[in-house]
Amino acid sequence: MFVCTVVGQVWSTQKDATLEGLRLLVVRPYTRGGDASAETMVAVDPIGAGTGERVLVVTGRAARHAIGRGQDIGFQTAIVGIVDGMELENGERVGQVAAMDRPGAS
């Protein structure tokens, strides 16, 4: 499972039939200190996340289960939760969006 930030949306006029009706978002793994990760992924969004929100992303069988279309789907990455907040070991608080982040003890 990954904590990611939604950084965009994907539109596609032609796609595998198993993906019809699914919303696709571009997500970037969360990194401490606000450094942007070079990695991005496309994830199915069955819960309605928005751009800038921090989300929980799963892959593989867990993603196919979350998407709810069984094993015969051409996708293995899904958003399963919107993060309200996290507290890290040094007291750093990570919010639902970057503007809500608060530094921890130095």
C-alpha atoms as a PDB file:
ATOM      1  CA  MET A   1       0.000   0.000   0.000  1.00  0.00           C
ATOM      2  CA  PHE A   2       1.241   3.474  -0.872  1.00  0.00           C
ATOM      3  CA  VAL A   3       0.384   6.951   0.366  1.00  0.00           C
ATOM      4  CA  CYS A   4       0.122   9.123  -2.738  1.00  0.00           C
ATOM      5  CA  THR A   5      -0.988  12.566  -3.847  1.00  0.00           C
ATOM      6  CA  VAL A   6      -3.463  12.919  -6.714  1.00  0.00           C
ATOM      7  CA  VAL A   7      -1.720  15.044  -9.356  1.00  0.00           C
ATOM      8  CA  GLY A   8      -4.013  14.693 -12.364  1.00  0.00           C
ATOM      9  CA  GLN A   9      -6.725  12.903 -14.270  1.00  0.00           C
ATOM     10  CA  VAL A  10      -6.658  10.633 -17.336  1.00  0.00           C
ATOM     11  CA  TRP A  11      -9.235  10.704 -20.125  1.00  0.00           C
ATOM     12  CA  SER A  12      -9.336   8.001 -22.751  1.00  0.00           C
ATOM     13  CA  THR A  13     -11.746   7.555 -25.627  1.00  0.00           C
ATOM     14  CA  GLN A  14     -10.447   4.086 -26.449  1.00  0.00           C
ATOM     15  CA  LYS A  15      -9.677   1.569 -23.733  1.00  0.00           C
ATOM     16  CA  ASP A  16     -10.114  -2.051 -22.768  1.00  0.00           C
ATOM     17  CA  ALA A  17     -13.791  -2.910 -22.283  1.00  0.00           C
ATOM     18  CA  THR A  18     -13.146  -3.897 -18.640  1.00  0.00           C
ATOM     19  CA  LEU A  19     -12.223  -0.263 -17.908  1.00  0.00           C
ATOM     20  CA  GLU A  20     -15.444   1.277 -19.242  1.00  0.00           C
ATOM     21  CA  GLY A  21     -17.014   3.661 -16.749  1.00  0.00           C
ATOM     22  CA  LEU A  22     -13.997   3.784 -14.440  1.00  0.00           C
ATOM     23  CA  ARG A  23     -12.396   7.068 -13.385  1.00  0.00           C
ATOM     24  CA  LEU A  24      -8.605   7.117 -13.794  1.00  0.00           C
ATOM     25  CA  LEU A  25      -6.350   9.439 -11.773  1.00  0.00           C
ATOM     26  CA  VAL A  26      -2.620  10.144 -11.908  1.00  0.00           C
ATOM     27  CA  VAL A  27      -1.034   9.705  -8.466  1.00  0.00           C
ATOM     28  CA  ARG A  28       2.473  10.373  -7.187  1.00  0.00           C
ATOM     29  CA  PRO A  29       3.903   8.582  -4.126  1.00  0.00           C
ATOM     30  CA  TYR A  30       4.209  10.787  -1.028  1.00  0.00           C
ATOM     31  CA  THR A  31       7.748  11.728  -0.012  1.00  0.00           C
ATOM     32  CA  ARG A  32       8.775  13.316   3.273  1.00  0.00           C
ATOM     33  CA  GLY A  33       9.919  16.907   3.115  1.00  0.00           C
ATOM     34  CA  GLY A  34       7.696  17.753   0.173  1.00  0.00           C
ATOM     35  CA  ASP A  35      10.193  16.641  -2.474  1.00  0.00           C
ATOM     36  CA  ALA A  36       8.339  15.663  -5.634  1.00  0.00           C
ATOM     37  CA  SER A  37       8.804  12.046  -6.626  1.00  0.00           C
ATOM     38  CA  ALA A  38       9.674  11.333 -10.252  1.00  0.00           C
ATOM     39  CA  GLU A  39       7.374   8.306 -10.118  1.00  0.00           C
ATOM     40  CA  THR A  40       3.741   8.545 -11.138  1.00  0.00           C
ATOM     41  CA  MET A  41       1.054   5.882 -11.461  1.00  0.00           C
ATOM     42  CA  VAL A  42      -2.424   5.730 -12.897  1.00  0.00           C
ATOM     43  CA  ALA A  43      -4.992   4.384 -10.448  1.00  0.00           C
ATOM     44  CA  VAL A  44      -8.693   3.585 -10.728  1.00  0.00           C
ATOM     45  CA  ASP A  45     -10.681   5.827  -8.384  1.00  0.00           C
ATOM     46  CA  PRO A  46     -13.866   4.154  -7.102  1.00  0.00           C
ATOM     47  CA  ILE A  47     -14.217   6.587  -4.152  1.00  0.00           C
ATOM     48  CA  GLY A  48     -14.121  10.102  -5.644  1.00  0.00           C
ATOM     49  CA  ALA A  49     -10.720  11.586  -4.713  1.00  0.00           C
ATOM     50  CA  GLY A  50      -9.769  15.036  -5.956  1.00  0.00           C
ATOM     51  CA  THR A  51      -6.604  16.643  -7.290  1.00  0.00           C
ATOM     52  CA  GLY A  52      -4.169  17.504  -4.492  1.00  0.00           C
ATOM     53  CA  GLU A  53      -5.641  15.030  -2.000  1.00  0.00           C
ATOM     54  CA  ARG A  54      -3.534  12.404  -0.281  1.00  0.00           C
ATOM     55  CA  VAL A  55      -4.839   8.904  -0.923  1.00  0.00           C
ATOM     56  CA  LEU A  56      -4.127   5.256  -0.082  1.00  0.00           C
ATOM     57  CA  VAL A  57      -3.290   3.200  -3.165  1.00  0.00           C
ATOM     58  CA  VAL A  58      -3.157  -0.598  -3.454  1.00  0.00           C
ATOM     59  CA  THR A  59      -1.946  -2.838  -6.270  1.00  0.00           C
ATOM     60  CA  GLY A  60      -2.539  -6.366  -7.519  1.00  0.00           C
ATOM     61  CA  ARG A  61      -5.336  -8.535  -6.150  1.00  0.00           C
ATOM     62  CA  ALA A  62      -6.289  -5.925  -3.519  1.00  0.00           C
ATOM     63  CA  ALA A  63      -6.808  -3.346  -6.271  1.00  0.00           C
ATOM     64  CA  ARG A  64      -8.916  -5.661  -8.405  1.00  0.00           C
ATOM     65  CA  HIS A  65     -11.040  -6.421  -5.329  1.00  0.00           C
ATOM     66  CA  ALA A  66     -11.450  -2.687  -4.579  1.00  0.00           C
ATOM     67  CA  ILE A  67     -12.462  -1.943  -8.172  1.00  0.00           C
ATOM     68  CA  GLY A  68     -15.186  -4.566  -7.766  1.00  0.00           C
ATOM     69  CA  ARG A  69     -15.128  -6.202 -11.175  1.00  0.00           C
ATOM     70  CA  GLY A  70     -13.492  -9.501 -10.294  1.00  0.00           C
ATOM     71  CA  GLN A  71     -10.234 -10.887 -11.614  1.00  0.00           C
ATOM     72  CA  ASP A  72     -10.998 -10.219 -15.283  1.00  0.00           C
ATOM     73  CA  ILE A  73     -10.085  -6.539 -15.312  1.00  0.00           C
ATOM     74  CA  GLY A  74      -7.152  -5.014 -17.143  1.00  0.00           C
ATOM     75  CA  PHE A  75      -5.989  -2.938 -14.194  1.00  0.00           C
ATOM     76  CA  GLN A  76      -4.093  -3.541 -10.956  1.00  0.00           C
ATOM     77  CA  THR A  77      -3.864  -0.182  -9.168  1.00  0.00           C
ATOM     78  CA  ALA A  78      -6.709   1.420  -7.184  1.00  0.00           C
ATOM     79  CA  ILE A  79      -7.383   4.176  -4.680  1.00  0.00           C
ATOM     80  CA  VAL A  80      -8.949   2.722  -1.531  1.00  0.00           C
ATOM     81  CA  GLY A  81      -8.992   5.691   0.840  1.00  0.00           C
ATOM     82  CA  ILE A  82      -8.621   9.437   1.206  1.00  0.00           C
ATOM     83  CA  VAL A  83      -6.184  10.361   3.988  1.00  0.00           C
ATOM     84  CA  ASP A  84      -7.595  12.745   6.606  1.00  0.00           C
ATOM     85  CA  GLY A  85      -4.202  13.001   8.292  1.00  0.00           C
ATOM     86  CA  MET A  86      -1.086  11.138   9.413  1.00  0.00           C
ATOM     87  CA  GLU A  87       1.373  11.638  12.243  1.00  0.00           C
ATOM     88  CA  LEU A  88       4.942  10.491  11.635  1.00  0.00           C
ATOM     89  CA  GLU A  89       7.560   9.404  14.169  1.00  0.00           C
ATOM     90  CA  ASN A  90       9.073  12.866  14.762  1.00  0.00           C
ATOM     91  CA  GLY A  91       5.677  14.479  15.323  1.00  0.00           C
ATOM     92  CA  GLU A  92       5.388  15.673  11.726  1.00  0.00           C
ATOM     93  CA  ARG A  93       1.751  15.890  10.689  1.00  0.00           C
ATOM     94  CA  VAL A  94       0.710  15.176   7.114  1.00  0.00           C
ATOM     95  CA  GLY A  95      -2.659  16.559   6.095  1.00  0.00           C
ATOM     96  CA  GLN A  96      -5.269  15.684   3.527  1.00  0.00           C
ATOM     97  CA  VAL A  97      -3.563  18.187   1.198  1.00  0.00           C
ATOM     98  CA  ALA A  98      -0.023  19.640   1.302  1.00  0.00           C
ATOM     99  CA  ALA A  99      -1.219  22.994   2.698  1.00  0.00           C
ATOM    100  CA  MET A 100      -2.295  21.165   5.889  1.00  0.00           C
ATOM    101  CA  ASP A 101       1.163  19.660   6.581  1.00  0.00           C
ATOM    102  CA  ARG A 102       2.952  20.682   9.811  1.00  0.00           C
ATOM    103  CA  PRO A 103       6.644  20.070  10.579  1.00  0.00           C
ATOM    104  CA  GLY A 104       7.704  17.927  13.506  1.00  0.00           C
ATOM    105  CA  ALA A 105      10.370  18.369  16.139  1.00  0.00           C
ATOM    106  CA  SER A 106      13.859  19.061  14.820  1.00  0.00           C
END
